[in-house]
Amino acid sequence: MSRRHSVNRPPTPDRDGAERVKEPTLIDIVNIKLTESGEKERLMELVRERLVECGWKDEMRSLCRAFVKNNGRDNVTVDDLVRAITPKGRASIPDSVKAELLQKIRTFLVSVAH
């Protein structure tokens, strides 16, 4: 039995329950390749090291302590702390760390493409 579609409304979806599988985006594919190869964990470790070396981690620790002190230890949740500190933390990551990470990702993608 064939369905006839009205000109005025879109066709009714099939009722067989089959959902369309979402095609992975380029970001999804890159993330999968990084994870499967173990490169993602190596890059995360590199970023951790660089952030410690440049003093970023100590700066974030100080911001957290100041936030807790200003608001009272019993009045601050982890979620409050994350909401308050995350924007400052992201904005203060040195450009050199971002550039190094981007270069490492580019090098990885070139090596995987060949």
PDB file of N, CA and C in Angstrom:
ATOM      1  N   MET A   1       0.837  -1.157   0.000  1.00  0.00           N
ATOM      2  CA  MET A   1       0.000   0.000   0.000  1.00  0.00           C
ATOM      3  C   MET A   1       0.893   1.234   0.000  1.00  0.00           C
ATOM      4  N   SER A   2       0.724   2.054  -0.963  1.00  0.00           N
ATOM      5  CA  SER A   2       1.558   3.229  -1.092  1.00  0.00           C
ATOM      6  C   SER A   2       0.875   4.425  -0.450  1.00  0.00           C
ATOM      7  N   ARG A   3       1.710   5.247   0.180  1.00  0.00           N
ATOM      8  CA  ARG A   3       1.184   6.447   0.820  1.00  0.00           C
ATOM      9  C   ARG A   3       1.143   7.585  -0.182  1.00  0.00           C
ATOM     10  N   ARG A   4       0.098   8.328  -0.117  1.00  0.00           N
ATOM     11  CA  ARG A   4       0.001   9.525  -0.946  1.00  0.00           C
ATOM     12  C   ARG A   4       0.205  10.724  -0.029  1.00  0.00           C
ATOM     13  N   HIS A   5       1.064  11.605  -0.420  1.00  0.00           N
ATOM     14  CA  HIS A   5       1.387  12.766   0.392  1.00  0.00           C
ATOM     15  C   HIS A   5       0.583  13.974  -0.055  1.00  0.00           C
ATOM     16  N   SER A   6       0.076  14.685   0.900  1.00  0.00           N
ATOM     17  CA  SER A   6      -0.663  15.903   0.628  1.00  0.00           C
ATOM     18  C   SER A   6       0.309  16.995   0.200  1.00  0.00           C
ATOM     19  N   VAL A   7      -0.137  17.841  -0.664  1.00  0.00           N
ATOM     20  CA  VAL A   7       0.672  18.967  -1.100  1.00  0.00           C
ATOM     21  C   VAL A   7       0.827  19.972   0.036  1.00  0.00           C
ATOM     22  N   ASN A   8      -0.126  19.993   0.957  1.00  0.00           N
ATOM     23  CA  ASN A   8      -0.154  21.002   2.007  1.00  0.00           C
ATOM     24  C   ASN A   8       0.546  20.607   3.295  1.00  0.00           C
ATOM     25  N   ARG A   9       0.961  19.378   3.431  1.00  0.00           N
ATOM     26  CA  ARG A   9       1.634  18.972   4.663  1.00  0.00           C
ATOM     27  C   ARG A   9       2.755  17.998   4.349  1.00  0.00           C
ATOM     28  N   PRO A  10       3.730  17.940   5.221  1.00  0.00           N
ATOM     29  CA  PRO A  10       4.845  17.017   4.975  1.00  0.00           C
ATOM     30  C   PRO A  10       4.391  15.577   5.152  1.00  0.00           C
ATOM     31  N   PRO A  11       5.131  14.647   4.575  1.00  0.00           N
ATOM     32  CA  PRO A  11       4.761  13.244   4.715  1.00  0.00           C
ATOM     33  C   PRO A  11       4.836  12.784   6.167  1.00  0.00           C
ATOM     34  N   THR A  12       3.996  11.858   6.539  1.00  0.00           N
ATOM     35  CA  THR A  12       3.991  11.283   7.877  1.00  0.00           C
ATOM     36  C   THR A  12       5.177  10.345   7.987  1.00  0.00           C
ATOM     37  N   PRO A  13       5.914  10.426   9.087  1.00  0.00           N
ATOM     38  CA  PRO A  13       7.064   9.520   9.242  1.00  0.00           C
ATOM     39  C   PRO A  13       6.604   8.075   9.308  1.00  0.00           C
ATOM     40  N   ASP A  14       7.493   7.179   8.904  1.00  0.00           N
ATOM     41  CA  ASP A  14       7.188   5.746   8.989  1.00  0.00           C
ATOM     42  C   ASP A  14       6.953   5.366  10.432  1.00  0.00           C
ATOM     43  N   ARG A  15       6.069   4.445  10.625  1.00  0.00           N
ATOM     44  CA  ARG A  15       5.731   4.025  11.983  1.00  0.00           C
ATOM     45  C   ARG A  15       6.450   2.748  12.409  1.00  0.00           C
ATOM     46  N   ASP A  16       7.440   2.340  11.658  1.00  0.00           N
ATOM     47  CA  ASP A  16       8.136   1.101  11.997  1.00  0.00           C
ATOM     48  C   ASP A  16       9.137   1.275  13.126  1.00  0.00           C
ATOM     49  N   GLY A  17       9.293   2.505  13.638  1.00  0.00           N
ATOM     50  CA  GLY A  17      10.169   2.739  14.780  1.00  0.00           C
ATOM     51  C   GLY A  17      11.629   2.910  14.412  1.00  0.00           C
ATOM     52  N   ALA A  18      11.940   2.746  13.143  1.00  0.00           N
ATOM     53  CA  ALA A  18      13.332   2.886  12.737  1.00  0.00           C
ATOM     54  C   ALA A  18      13.710   4.357  12.752  1.00  0.00           C
ATOM     55  N   GLU A  19      14.748   4.671  13.542  1.00  0.00           N
ATOM     56  CA  GLU A  19      15.228   6.038  13.606  1.00  0.00           C
ATOM     57  C   GLU A  19      16.438   6.165  12.698  1.00  0.00           C
ATOM     58  N   ARG A  20      16.583   7.324  12.134  1.00  0.00           N
ATOM     59  CA  ARG A  20      17.727   7.551  11.263  1.00  0.00           C
ATOM     60  C   ARG A  20      18.983   7.702  12.123  1.00  0.00           C
ATOM     61  N   VAL A  21      20.068   7.107  11.678  1.00  0.00           N
ATOM     62  CA  VAL A  21      21.333   7.199  12.391  1.00  0.00           C
ATOM     63  C   VAL A  21      22.002   8.508  11.990  1.00  0.00           C
ATOM     64  N   LYS A  22      22.386   9.275  12.989  1.00  0.00           N
ATOM     65  CA  LYS A  22      23.033  10.555  12.735  1.00  0.00           C
ATOM     66  C   LYS A  22      24.443  10.305  12.230  1.00  0.00           C
ATOM     67  N   GLU A  23      24.776  10.959  11.140  1.00  0.00           N
ATOM     68  CA  GLU A  23      26.122  10.847  10.590  1.00  0.00           C
ATOM     69  C   GLU A  23      27.094  11.584  11.505  1.00  0.00           C
ATOM     70  N   PRO A  24      28.254  10.985  11.782  1.00  0.00           N
ATOM     71  CA  PRO A  24      29.224  11.668  12.649  1.00  0.00           C
ATOM     72  C   PRO A  24      29.783  12.917  11.957  1.00  0.00           C
ATOM     73  N   THR A  25      29.984  13.958  12.733  1.00  0.00           N
ATOM     74  CA  THR A  25      30.568  15.187  12.208  1.00  0.00           C
ATOM     75  C   THR A  25      32.079  15.016  12.137  1.00  0.00           C
ATOM     76  N   LEU A  26      32.728  15.959  11.500  1.00  0.00           N
ATOM     77  CA  LEU A  26      34.189  15.932  11.415  1.00  0.00           C
ATOM     78  C   LEU A  26      34.795  15.966  12.819  1.00  0.00           C
ATOM     79  N   ILE A  27      34.214  16.769  13.688  1.00  0.00           N
ATOM     80  CA  ILE A  27      34.703  16.842  15.073  1.00  0.00           C
ATOM     81  C   ILE A  27      34.568  15.483  15.748  1.00  0.00           C
ATOM     82  N   ASP A  28      33.441  14.798  15.527  1.00  0.00           N
ATOM     83  CA  ASP A  28      33.239  13.461  16.098  1.00  0.00           C
ATOM     84  C   ASP A  28      34.310  12.502  15.599  1.00  0.00           C
ATOM     85  N   ILE A  29      34.591  12.540  14.308  1.00  0.00           N
ATOM     86  CA  ILE A  29      35.574  11.630  13.709  1.00  0.00           C
ATOM     87  C   ILE A  29      36.969  11.903  14.273  1.00  0.00           C
ATOM     88  N   VAL A  30      37.340  13.168  14.357  1.00  0.00           N
ATOM     89  CA  VAL A  30      38.658  13.530  14.900  1.00  0.00           C
ATOM     90  C   VAL A  30      38.761  13.066  16.346  1.00  0.00           C
ATOM     91  N   ASN A  31      37.710  13.283  17.129  1.00  0.00           N
ATOM     92  CA  ASN A  31      37.712  12.875  18.531  1.00  0.00           C
ATOM     93  C   ASN A  31      37.857  11.355  18.649  1.00  0.00           C
ATOM     94  N   ILE A  32      37.180  10.608  17.808  1.00  0.00           N
ATOM     95  CA  ILE A  32      37.285   9.148  17.827  1.00  0.00           C
ATOM     96  C   ILE A  32      38.711   8.717  17.507  1.00  0.00           C
ATOM     97  N   LYS A  33      39.303   9.312  16.463  1.00  0.00           N
ATOM     98  CA  LYS A  33      40.680   8.958  16.079  1.00  0.00           C
ATOM     99  C   LYS A  33      41.669   9.293  17.198  1.00  0.00           C
ATOM    100  N   LEU A  34      41.500  10.461  17.813  1.00  0.00           N
ATOM    101  CA  LEU A  34      42.387  10.845  18.915  1.00  0.00           C
ATOM    102  C   LEU A  34      42.261   9.871  20.079  1.00  0.00           C
ATOM    103  N   THR A  35      41.045   9.494  20.403  1.00  0.00           N
ATOM    104  CA  THR A  35      40.802   8.594  21.528  1.00  0.00           C
ATOM    105  C   THR A  35      41.326   7.196  21.241  1.00  0.00           C
ATOM    106  N   GLU A  36      40.985   6.651  20.081  1.00  0.00           N
ATOM    107  CA  GLU A  36      41.399   5.279  19.731  1.00  0.00           C
ATOM    108  C   GLU A  36      42.913   5.119  19.690  1.00  0.00           C
ATOM    109  N   SER A  37      43.611   6.156  19.244  1.00  0.00           N
ATOM    110  CA  SER A  37      45.067   6.065  19.113  1.00  0.00           C
ATOM    111  C   SER A  37      45.796   6.305  20.434  1.00  0.00           C
ATOM    112  N   GLY A  38      45.071   6.816  21.435  1.00  0.00           N
ATOM    113  CA  GLY A  38      45.714   7.162  22.695  1.00  0.00           C
ATOM    114  C   GLY A  38      46.305   8.567  22.678  1.00  0.00           C
ATOM    115  N   GLU A  39      46.210   9.241  21.535  1.00  0.00           N
ATOM    116  CA  GLU A  39      46.779  10.583  21.400  1.00  0.00           C
ATOM    117  C   GLU A  39      46.033  11.596  22.262  1.00  0.00           C
ATOM    118  N   LYS A  40      44.745  11.406  22.440  1.00  0.00           N
ATOM    119  CA  LYS A  40      43.962  12.353  23.248  1.00  0.00           C
ATOM    120  C   LYS A  40      44.500  12.410  24.672  1.00  0.00           C
ATOM    121  N   GLU A  41      44.784  11.278  25.264  1.00  0.00           N
ATOM    122  CA  GLU A  41      45.314  11.248  26.630  1.00  0.00           C
ATOM    123  C   GLU A  41      46.701  11.875  26.690  1.00  0.00           C
ATOM    124  N   ARG A  42      47.543  11.624  25.664  1.00  0.00           N
ATOM    125  CA  ARG A  42      48.876  12.252  25.634  1.00  0.00           C
ATOM    126  C   ARG A  42      48.759  13.775  25.528  1.00  0.00           C
ATOM    127  N   LEU A  43      47.817  14.251  24.720  1.00  0.00           N
ATOM    128  CA  LEU A  43      47.615  15.694  24.580  1.00  0.00           C
ATOM    129  C   LEU A  43      47.083  16.304  25.875  1.00  0.00           C
ATOM    130  N   MET A  44      46.189  15.591  26.536  1.00  0.00           N
ATOM    131  CA  MET A  44      45.656  16.086  27.817  1.00  0.00           C
ATOM    132  C   MET A  44      46.791  16.213  28.835  1.00  0.00           C
ATOM    133  N   GLU A  45      47.674  15.252  28.863  1.00  0.00           N
ATOM    134  CA  GLU A  45      48.809  15.294  29.793  1.00  0.00           C
ATOM    135  C   GLU A  45      49.742  16.456  29.449  1.00  0.00           C
ATOM    136  N   LEU A  46      49.975  16.685  28.169  1.00  0.00           N
ATOM    137  CA  LEU A  46      50.801  17.807  27.739  1.00  0.00           C
ATOM    138  C   LEU A  46      50.198  19.131  28.208  1.00  0.00           C
ATOM    139  N   VAL A  47      48.900  19.291  28.027  1.00  0.00           N
ATOM    140  CA  VAL A  47      48.222  20.524  28.452  1.00  0.00           C
ATOM    141  C   VAL A  47      48.332  20.690  29.963  1.00  0.00           C
ATOM    142  N   ARG A  48      48.120  19.597  30.708  1.00  0.00           N
ATOM    143  CA  ARG A  48      48.260  19.676  32.170  1.00  0.00           C
ATOM    144  C   ARG A  48      49.651  20.178  32.554  1.00  0.00           C
ATOM    145  N   GLU A  49      50.679  19.596  31.938  1.00  0.00           N
ATOM    146  CA  GLU A  49      52.055  19.987  32.235  1.00  0.00           C
ATOM    147  C   GLU A  49      52.292  21.464  31.925  1.00  0.00           C
ATOM    148  N   ARG A  50      51.843  21.902  30.753  1.00  0.00           N
ATOM    149  CA  ARG A  50      52.057  23.294  30.343  1.00  0.00           C
ATOM    150  C   ARG A  50      51.328  24.268  31.275  1.00  0.00           C
ATOM    151  N   LEU A  51      50.125  23.910  31.709  1.00  0.00           N
ATOM    152  CA  LEU A  51      49.364  24.791  32.594  1.00  0.00           C
ATOM    153  C   LEU A  51      50.007  24.889  33.977  1.00  0.00           C
ATOM    154  N   VAL A  52      50.622  23.810  34.422  1.00  0.00           N
ATOM    155  CA  VAL A  52      51.353  23.859  35.693  1.00  0.00           C
ATOM    156  C   VAL A  52      52.605  24.722  35.527  1.00  0.00           C
ATOM    157  N   GLU A  53      53.345  24.492  34.423  1.00  0.00           N
ATOM    158  CA  GLU A  53      54.590  25.222  34.177  1.00  0.00           C
ATOM    159  C   GLU A  53      54.388  26.737  34.133  1.00  0.00           C
ATOM    160  N   CYS A  54      53.284  27.174  33.540  1.00  0.00           N
ATOM    161  CA  CYS A  54      53.073  28.619  33.372  1.00  0.00           C
ATOM    162  C   CYS A  54      52.378  29.255  34.574  1.00  0.00           C
ATOM    163  N   GLY A  55      52.040  28.472  35.585  1.00  0.00           N
ATOM    164  CA  GLY A  55      51.435  29.022  36.788  1.00  0.00           C
ATOM    165  C   GLY A  55      49.913  29.128  36.747  1.00  0.00           C
ATOM    166  N   TRP A  56      49.322  28.668  35.665  1.00  0.00           N
ATOM    167  CA  TRP A  56      47.873  28.755  35.511  1.00  0.00           C
ATOM    168  C   TRP A  56      47.145  27.965  36.593  1.00  0.00           C
ATOM    169  N   LYS A  57      47.634  26.768  36.877  1.00  0.00           N
ATOM    170  CA  LYS A  57      46.978  25.930  37.891  1.00  0.00           C
ATOM    171  C   LYS A  57      46.993  26.610  39.258  1.00  0.00           C
ATOM    172  N   ASP A  58      48.120  27.202  39.633  1.00  0.00           N
ATOM    173  CA  ASP A  58      48.204  27.909  40.920  1.00  0.00           C
ATOM    174  C   ASP A  58      47.268  29.116  40.943  1.00  0.00           C
ATOM    175  N   GLU A  59      47.176  29.815  39.807  1.00  0.00           N
ATOM    176  CA  GLU A  59      46.276  30.968  39.707  1.00  0.00           C
ATOM    177  C   GLU A  59      44.819  30.525  39.906  1.00  0.00           C
ATOM    178  N   MET A  60      44.441  29.406  39.301  1.00  0.00           N
ATOM    179  CA  MET A  60      43.065  28.899  39.445  1.00  0.00           C
ATOM    180  C   MET A  60      42.797  28.461  40.887  1.00  0.00           C
ATOM    181  N   ARG A  61      43.802  27.848  41.506  1.00  0.00           N
ATOM    182  CA  ARG A  61      43.658  27.437  42.904  1.00  0.00           C
ATOM    183  C   ARG A  61      43.419  28.654  43.792  1.00  0.00           C
ATOM    184  N   SER A  62      44.160  29.732  43.542  1.00  0.00           N
ATOM    185  CA  SER A  62      43.993  30.972  44.315  1.00  0.00           C
ATOM    186  C   SER A  62      42.609  31.575  44.107  1.00  0.00           C
ATOM    187  N   LEU A  63      42.132  31.576  42.862  1.00  0.00           N
ATOM    188  CA  LEU A  63      40.796  32.094  42.573  1.00  0.00           C
ATOM    189  C   LEU A  63      39.723  31.285  43.307  1.00  0.00           C
ATOM    190  N   CYS A  64      39.892  29.981  43.321  1.00  0.00           N
ATOM    191  CA  CYS A  64      38.935  29.109  44.012  1.00  0.00           C
ATOM    192  C   CYS A  64      38.923  29.390  45.507  1.00  0.00           C
ATOM    193  N   ARG A  65      40.108  29.508  46.085  1.00  0.00           N
ATOM    194  CA  ARG A  65      40.186  29.777  47.531  1.00  0.00           C
ATOM    195  C   ARG A  65      39.558  31.122  47.876  1.00  0.00           C
ATOM    196  N   ALA A  66      39.814  32.125  47.038  1.00  0.00           N
ATOM    197  CA  ALA A  66      39.250  33.452  47.279  1.00  0.00           C
ATOM    198  C   ALA A  66      37.725  33.414  47.160  1.00  0.00           C
ATOM    199  N   PHE A  67      37.211  32.689  46.185  1.00  0.00           N
ATOM    200  CA  PHE A  67      35.769  32.580  46.002  1.00  0.00           C
ATOM    201  C   PHE A  67      35.119  31.930  47.222  1.00  0.00           C
ATOM    202  N   VAL A  68      35.731  30.850  47.693  1.00  0.00           N
ATOM    203  CA  VAL A  68      35.192  30.144  48.863  1.00  0.00           C
ATOM    204  C   VAL A  68      35.274  31.047  50.097  1.00  0.00           C
ATOM    205  N   LYS A  69      36.377  31.746  50.260  1.00  0.00           N
ATOM    206  CA  LYS A  69      36.542  32.628  51.416  1.00  0.00           C
ATOM    207  C   LYS A  69      35.510  33.760  51.397  1.00  0.00           C
ATOM    208  N   ASN A  70      35.277  34.347  50.216  1.00  0.00           N
ATOM    209  CA  ASN A  70      34.325  35.461  50.091  1.00  0.00           C
ATOM    210  C   ASN A  70      32.874  35.041  50.304  1.00  0.00           C
ATOM    211  N   ASN A  71      32.560  33.816  49.946  1.00  0.00           N
ATOM    212  CA  ASN A  71      31.168  33.357  50.018  1.00  0.00           C
ATOM    213  C   ASN A  71      30.877  32.480  51.230  1.00  0.00           C
ATOM    214  N   GLY A  72      31.896  32.102  51.955  1.00  0.00           N
ATOM    215  CA  GLY A  72      31.716  31.230  53.112  1.00  0.00           C
ATOM    216  C   GLY A  72      31.748  29.774  52.696  1.00  0.00           C
ATOM    217  N   ARG A  73      32.567  29.035  53.383  1.00  0.00           N
ATOM    218  CA  ARG A  73      32.790  27.630  53.036  1.00  0.00           C
ATOM    219  C   ARG A  73      31.501  26.814  52.991  1.00  0.00           C
ATOM    220  N   ASP A  74      30.588  27.082  53.893  1.00  0.00           N
ATOM    221  CA  ASP A  74      29.348  26.308  53.965  1.00  0.00           C
ATOM    222  C   ASP A  74      28.318  26.753  52.936  1.00  0.00           C
ATOM    223  N   ASN A  75      28.581  27.862  52.256  1.00  0.00           N
ATOM    224  CA  ASN A  75      27.620  28.403  51.298  1.00  0.00           C
ATOM    225  C   ASN A  75      28.003  28.145  49.845  1.00  0.00           C
ATOM    226  N   VAL A  76      29.098  27.427  49.603  1.00  0.00           N
ATOM    227  CA  VAL A  76      29.591  27.223  48.242  1.00  0.00           C
ATOM    228  C   VAL A  76      29.508  25.746  47.872  1.00  0.00           C
ATOM    229  N   THR A  77      28.899  25.490  46.723  1.00  0.00           N
ATOM    230  CA  THR A  77      28.885  24.124  46.195  1.00  0.00           C
ATOM    231  C   THR A  77      29.942  24.015  45.097  1.00  0.00           C
ATOM    232  N   VAL A  78      30.255  22.813  44.720  1.00  0.00           N
ATOM    233  CA  VAL A  78      31.196  22.606  43.630  1.00  0.00           C
ATOM    234  C   VAL A  78      30.644  23.242  42.354  1.00  0.00           C
ATOM    235  N   ASP A  79      29.343  23.098  42.127  1.00  0.00           N
ATOM    236  CA  ASP A  79      28.729  23.696  40.943  1.00  0.00           C
ATOM    237  C   ASP A  79      28.893  25.220  40.937  1.00  0.00           C
ATOM    238  N   ASP A  80      28.719  25.853  42.106  1.00  0.00           N
ATOM    239  CA  ASP A  80      28.919  27.305  42.205  1.00  0.00           C
ATOM    240  C   ASP A  80      30.347  27.671  41.820  1.00  0.00           C
ATOM    241  N   LEU A  81      31.272  26.915  42.340  1.00  0.00           N
ATOM    242  CA  LEU A  81      32.688  27.164  42.088  1.00  0.00           C
ATOM    243  C   LEU A  81      33.011  27.005  40.599  1.00  0.00           C
ATOM    244  N   VAL A  82      32.513  25.943  40.007  1.00  0.00           N
ATOM    245  CA  VAL A  82      32.755  25.700  38.580  1.00  0.00           C
ATOM    246  C   VAL A  82      32.156  26.829  37.737  1.00  0.00           C
ATOM    247  N   ARG A  83      30.930  27.227  38.052  1.00  0.00           N
ATOM    248  CA  ARG A  83      30.279  28.310  37.309  1.00  0.00           C
ATOM    249  C   ARG A  83      31.047  29.625  37.418  1.00  0.00           C
ATOM    250  N   ALA A  84      31.595  29.893  38.570  1.00  0.00           N
ATOM    251  CA  ALA A  84      32.308  31.151  38.791  1.00  0.00           C
ATOM    252  C   ALA A  84      33.702  31.157  38.169  1.00  0.00           C
ATOM    253  N   ILE A  85      34.400  30.050  38.240  1.00  0.00           N
ATOM    254  CA  ILE A  85      35.816  30.016  37.858  1.00  0.00           C
ATOM    255  C   ILE A  85      36.041  29.625  36.399  1.00  0.00           C
ATOM    256  N   THR A  86      35.180  28.803  35.826  1.00  0.00           N
ATOM    257  CA  THR A  86      35.398  28.300  34.461  1.00  0.00           C
ATOM    258  C   THR A  86      35.620  29.408  33.429  1.00  0.00           C
ATOM    259  N   PRO A  87      34.781  30.428  33.368  1.00  0.00           N
ATOM    260  CA  PRO A  87      35.035  31.469  32.355  1.00  0.00           C
ATOM    261  C   PRO A  87      36.393  32.148  32.524  1.00  0.00           C
ATOM    262  N   LYS A  88      36.776  32.405  33.768  1.00  0.00           N
ATOM    263  CA  LYS A  88      38.078  33.033  34.038  1.00  0.00           C
ATOM    264  C   LYS A  88      39.208  32.083  33.648  1.00  0.00           C
ATOM    265  N   GLY A  89      39.025  30.818  33.956  1.00  0.00           N
ATOM    266  CA  GLY A  89      40.048  29.829  33.633  1.00  0.00           C
ATOM    267  C   GLY A  89      40.257  29.683  32.139  1.00  0.00           C
ATOM    268  N   ARG A  90      39.171  29.581  31.395  1.00  0.00           N
ATOM    269  CA  ARG A  90      39.278  29.448  29.938  1.00  0.00           C
ATOM    270  C   ARG A  90      39.915  30.685  29.315  1.00  0.00           C
ATOM    271  N   ALA A  91      39.521  31.852  29.806  1.00  0.00           N
ATOM    272  CA  ALA A  91      40.035  33.101  29.238  1.00  0.00           C
ATOM    273  C   ALA A  91      41.519  33.313  29.547  1.00  0.00           C
ATOM    274  N   SER A  92      42.007  32.696  30.609  1.00  0.00           N
ATOM    275  CA  SER A  92      43.389  32.953  31.017  1.00  0.00           C
ATOM    276  C   SER A  92      44.383  31.896  30.567  1.00  0.00           C
ATOM    277  N   ILE A  93      43.947  30.915  29.775  1.00  0.00           N
ATOM    278  CA  ILE A  93      44.894  29.928  29.235  1.00  0.00           C
ATOM    279  C   ILE A  93      45.816  30.659  28.267  1.00  0.00           C
ATOM    280  N   PRO A  94      47.118  30.549  28.450  1.00  0.00           N
ATOM    281  CA  PRO A  94      48.059  31.271  27.587  1.00  0.00           C
ATOM    282  C   PRO A  94      47.922  30.865  26.112  1.00  0.00           C
ATOM    283  N   ASP A  95      48.066  31.856  25.241  1.00  0.00           N
ATOM    284  CA  ASP A  95      47.982  31.588  23.798  1.00  0.00           C
ATOM    285  C   ASP A  95      49.030  30.582  23.354  1.00  0.00           C
ATOM    286  N   SER A  96      50.184  30.583  24.011  1.00  0.00           N
ATOM    287  CA  SER A  96      51.249  29.646  23.632  1.00  0.00           C
ATOM    288  C   SER A  96      50.821  28.203  23.858  1.00  0.00           C
ATOM    289  N   VAL A  97      50.067  27.948  24.927  1.00  0.00           N
ATOM    290  CA  VAL A  97      49.573  26.592  25.213  1.00  0.00           C
ATOM    291  C   VAL A  97      48.543  26.191  24.158  1.00  0.00           C
ATOM    292  N   LYS A  98      47.649  27.107  23.820  1.00  0.00           N
ATOM    293  CA  LYS A  98      46.636  26.834  22.794  1.00  0.00           C
ATOM    294  C   LYS A  98      47.305  26.549  21.446  1.00  0.00           C
ATOM    295  N   ALA A  99      48.296  27.365  21.094  1.00  0.00           N
ATOM    296  CA  ALA A  99      48.987  27.204  19.814  1.00  0.00           C
ATOM    297  C   ALA A  99      49.727  25.867  19.749  1.00  0.00           C
ATOM    298  N   GLU A 100      50.381  25.503  20.848  1.00  0.00           N
ATOM    299  CA  GLU A 100      51.103  24.228  20.863  1.00  0.00           C
ATOM    300  C   GLU A 100      50.140  23.062  20.716  1.00  0.00           C
ATOM    301  N   LEU A 101      49.021  23.111  21.406  1.00  0.00           N
ATOM    302  CA  LEU A 101      48.022  22.045  21.312  1.00  0.00           C
ATOM    303  C   LEU A 101      47.471  21.950  19.891  1.00  0.00           C
ATOM    304  N   LEU A 102      47.143  23.075  19.303  1.00  0.00           N
ATOM    305  CA  LEU A 102      46.617  23.087  17.938  1.00  0.00           C
ATOM    306  C   LEU A 102      47.630  22.496  16.962  1.00  0.00           C
ATOM    307  N   GLN A 103      48.894  22.850  17.128  1.00  0.00           N
ATOM    308  CA  GLN A 103      49.934  22.308  16.247  1.00  0.00           C
ATOM    309  C   GLN A 103      50.061  20.794  16.406  1.00  0.00           C
ATOM    310  N   LYS A 104      49.993  20.312  17.636  1.00  0.00           N
ATOM    311  CA  LYS A 104      50.081  18.859  17.879  1.00  0.00           C
ATOM    312  C   LYS A 104      48.892  18.137  17.236  1.00  0.00           C
ATOM    313  N   ILE A 105      47.706  18.727  17.328  1.00  0.00           N
ATOM    314  CA  ILE A 105      46.524  18.109  16.726  1.00  0.00           C
ATOM    315  C   ILE A 105      46.663  18.091  15.202  1.00  0.00           C
ATOM    316  N   ARG A 106      47.130  19.195  14.623  1.00  0.00           N
ATOM    317  CA  ARG A 106      47.343  19.246  13.172  1.00  0.00           C
ATOM    318  C   ARG A 106      48.338  18.185  12.725  1.00  0.00           C
ATOM    319  N   THR A 107      49.436  18.061  13.445  1.00  0.00           N
ATOM    320  CA  THR A 107      50.454  17.062  13.104  1.00  0.00           C
ATOM    321  C   THR A 107      49.863  15.664  13.172  1.00  0.00           C
ATOM    322  N   PHE A 108      49.082  15.391  14.206  1.00  0.00           N
ATOM    323  CA  PHE A 108      48.427  14.091  14.338  1.00  0.00           C
ATOM    324  C   PHE A 108      47.506  13.829  13.156  1.00  0.00           C
ATOM    325  N   LEU A 109      46.694  14.811  12.796  1.00  0.00           N
ATOM    326  CA  LEU A 109      45.747  14.614  11.687  1.00  0.00           C
ATOM    327  C   LEU A 109      46.459  14.373  10.364  1.00  0.00           C
ATOM    328  N   VAL A 110      47.563  15.055  10.146  1.00  0.00           N
ATOM    329  CA  VAL A 110      48.338  14.836   8.926  1.00  0.00           C
ATOM    330  C   VAL A 110      48.891  13.410   8.921  1.00  0.00           C
ATOM    331  N   SER A 111      49.372  12.946  10.061  1.00  0.00           N
ATOM    332  CA  SER A 111      49.946  11.592  10.123  1.00  0.00           C
ATOM    333  C   SER A 111      48.885  10.516   9.923  1.00  0.00           C
ATOM    334  N   VAL A 112      47.675  10.773  10.388  1.00  0.00           N
ATOM    335  CA  VAL A 112      46.584   9.812  10.225  1.00  0.00           C
ATOM    336  C   VAL A 112      46.061   9.797   8.793  1.00  0.00           C
ATOM    337  N   ALA A 113      46.113  10.945   8.136  1.00  0.00           N
ATOM    338  CA  ALA A 113      45.584  11.074   6.768  1.00  0.00           C
ATOM    339  C   ALA A 113      46.443  10.350   5.735  1.00  0.00           C
ATOM    340  N   HIS A 114      47.686  10.113   6.054  1.00  0.00           N
ATOM    341  CA  HIS A 114      48.581   9.466   5.063  1.00  0.00           C
ATOM    342  C   HIS A 114      48.606   7.989   5.174  1.00  0.00           C
TER     343      HIS A 114
END
